[in-house]
Amino acid sequence: MLKRAFTHHPASVNETYGQHLCVASWFGTKMVGAGLACLVHAIFPFLFVNTGSATINRLHFHMTNRSGPLTAPPVGAPPVSANTAPSPIADPSAHQG
């Protein structure tokens, strides 16, 4: 039962526990870094203008295209998703902070 608690979700995304640990840690550090950049941006709006939205786009790309290695999407590429609803992040007129 305890082993299943650690392996069920990673298996559901075709990863071992170790692979999932690495991938989830990678995502987490990117989110923390972008969050810190957003906090700095809140005080100094001229810094990290696109960091938050660019990080969200990259992470969304990786989350929805998990069959390959963690590589950056093409510059300017909108997030890829099975969801047909438009993403406000992909809209260039959306807030870039």
Protein backbone atom coordinates (compact mmCIF):
# COMPACT_ATOMS: atom_id res chain seq x y z
CA MET A 1 0.00 0.00 0.00
CA LEU A 2 2.79 2.47 0.89
CA LYS A 3 4.73 1.68 -2.30
CA ARG A 4 1.61 2.38 -4.36
CA ALA A 5 1.34 5.83 -2.75
CA PHE A 6 4.75 6.70 -4.22
CA THR A 7 4.39 4.98 -7.59
CA HIS A 8 0.75 5.30 -8.70
CA HIS A 9 0.82 8.91 -9.93
CA PRO A 10 4.29 8.70 -11.54
CA ALA A 11 3.16 5.57 -13.39
CA SER A 12 0.03 7.40 -14.58
CA VAL A 13 2.29 9.86 -16.43
CA ASN A 14 4.64 7.11 -17.68
CA GLU A 15 7.47 7.90 -15.26
CA THR A 16 9.30 6.04 -12.54
CA TYR A 17 9.40 7.54 -9.07
CA GLY A 18 12.92 8.85 -9.72
CA GLN A 19 11.98 10.38 -13.08
CA HIS A 20 8.93 12.01 -11.54
CA LEU A 21 11.05 13.36 -8.69
CA CYS A 22 13.41 15.01 -11.20
CA VAL A 23 10.67 16.38 -13.48
CA ALA A 24 8.51 17.68 -10.61
CA SER A 25 11.56 19.26 -8.99
CA TRP A 26 12.46 20.94 -12.28
CA PHE A 27 8.91 22.32 -12.59
CA GLY A 28 8.93 23.44 -8.95
CA THR A 29 12.20 25.32 -9.18
CA LYS A 30 11.04 27.08 -12.35
CA MET A 31 7.79 28.10 -10.64
CA VAL A 32 9.56 29.36 -7.52
CA GLY A 33 12.03 31.34 -9.64
CA ALA A 34 9.24 32.87 -11.71
CA GLY A 35 7.27 33.64 -8.55
CA LEU A 36 10.21 35.48 -7.07
CA ALA A 37 10.65 37.39 -10.34
CA CYS A 38 6.95 38.35 -10.20
CA LEU A 39 7.36 39.66 -6.65
CA VAL A 40 10.32 41.78 -7.75
CA HIS A 41 8.28 42.91 -10.78
CA ALA A 42 5.47 44.01 -8.46
CA ILE A 43 7.84 46.48 -6.78
CA PHE A 44 9.95 47.36 -9.83
CA PRO A 45 7.58 47.04 -12.84
CA PHE A 46 10.40 47.65 -15.30
CA LEU A 47 12.17 44.43 -14.21
CA PHE A 48 11.18 40.89 -15.25
CA VAL A 49 8.40 42.23 -17.47
CA ASN A 50 7.81 38.93 -19.32
CA THR A 51 9.32 36.41 -16.91
CA GLY A 52 6.08 35.21 -15.30
CA SER A 53 4.07 34.78 -18.49
CA ALA A 54 7.03 33.30 -20.41
CA THR A 55 7.62 30.76 -17.64
CA ILE A 56 3.94 29.81 -17.56
CA ASN A 57 3.99 29.31 -21.34
CA ARG A 58 7.13 27.14 -21.18
CA LEU A 59 5.80 25.04 -18.32
CA HIS A 60 2.45 24.61 -20.03
CA PHE A 61 4.24 23.50 -23.20
CA HIS A 62 6.25 20.91 -21.27
CA MET A 63 3.26 19.69 -19.27
CA THR A 64 1.17 19.09 -22.38
CA ASN A 65 4.03 17.58 -24.42
CA ARG A 66 5.52 15.19 -21.88
CA SER A 67 6.54 12.52 -24.36
CA GLY A 68 9.85 14.21 -25.18
CA PRO A 69 12.76 15.75 -23.32
CA LEU A 70 12.39 19.03 -21.47
CA THR A 71 13.27 21.40 -24.30
CA ALA A 72 12.12 24.94 -24.91
CA PRO A 73 9.24 25.55 -27.31
CA PRO A 74 9.95 27.64 -30.40
CA VAL A 75 10.20 31.35 -29.62
CA GLY A 76 6.76 32.94 -29.87
CA ALA A 77 4.96 29.60 -29.98
CA PRO A 78 1.65 29.62 -28.11
CA PRO A 79 1.09 26.95 -25.48
CA VAL A 80 0.01 23.61 -26.92
CA SER A 81 -3.05 22.12 -25.29
CA ALA A 82 -5.78 19.59 -25.87
CA ASN A 83 -8.11 22.21 -24.42
CA THR A 84 -9.83 24.13 -27.21
CA ALA A 85 -10.47 27.21 -25.08
CA PRO A 86 -8.10 30.05 -25.94
CA SER A 87 -5.43 30.76 -23.38
CA PRO A 88 -5.25 34.36 -22.14
CA ILE A 89 -1.50 33.83 -21.73
CA ALA A 90 -1.09 33.13 -25.44
CA ASP A 91 -2.82 36.43 -26.26
CA PRO A 92 -0.09 39.00 -26.97
CA SER A 93 -2.38 41.76 -25.72
CA ALA A 94 -2.68 40.06 -22.33
CA HIS A 95 -0.78 41.45 -19.36
CA GLN A 96 2.90 40.56 -19.60
CA GLY A 97 3.82 40.64 -15.90
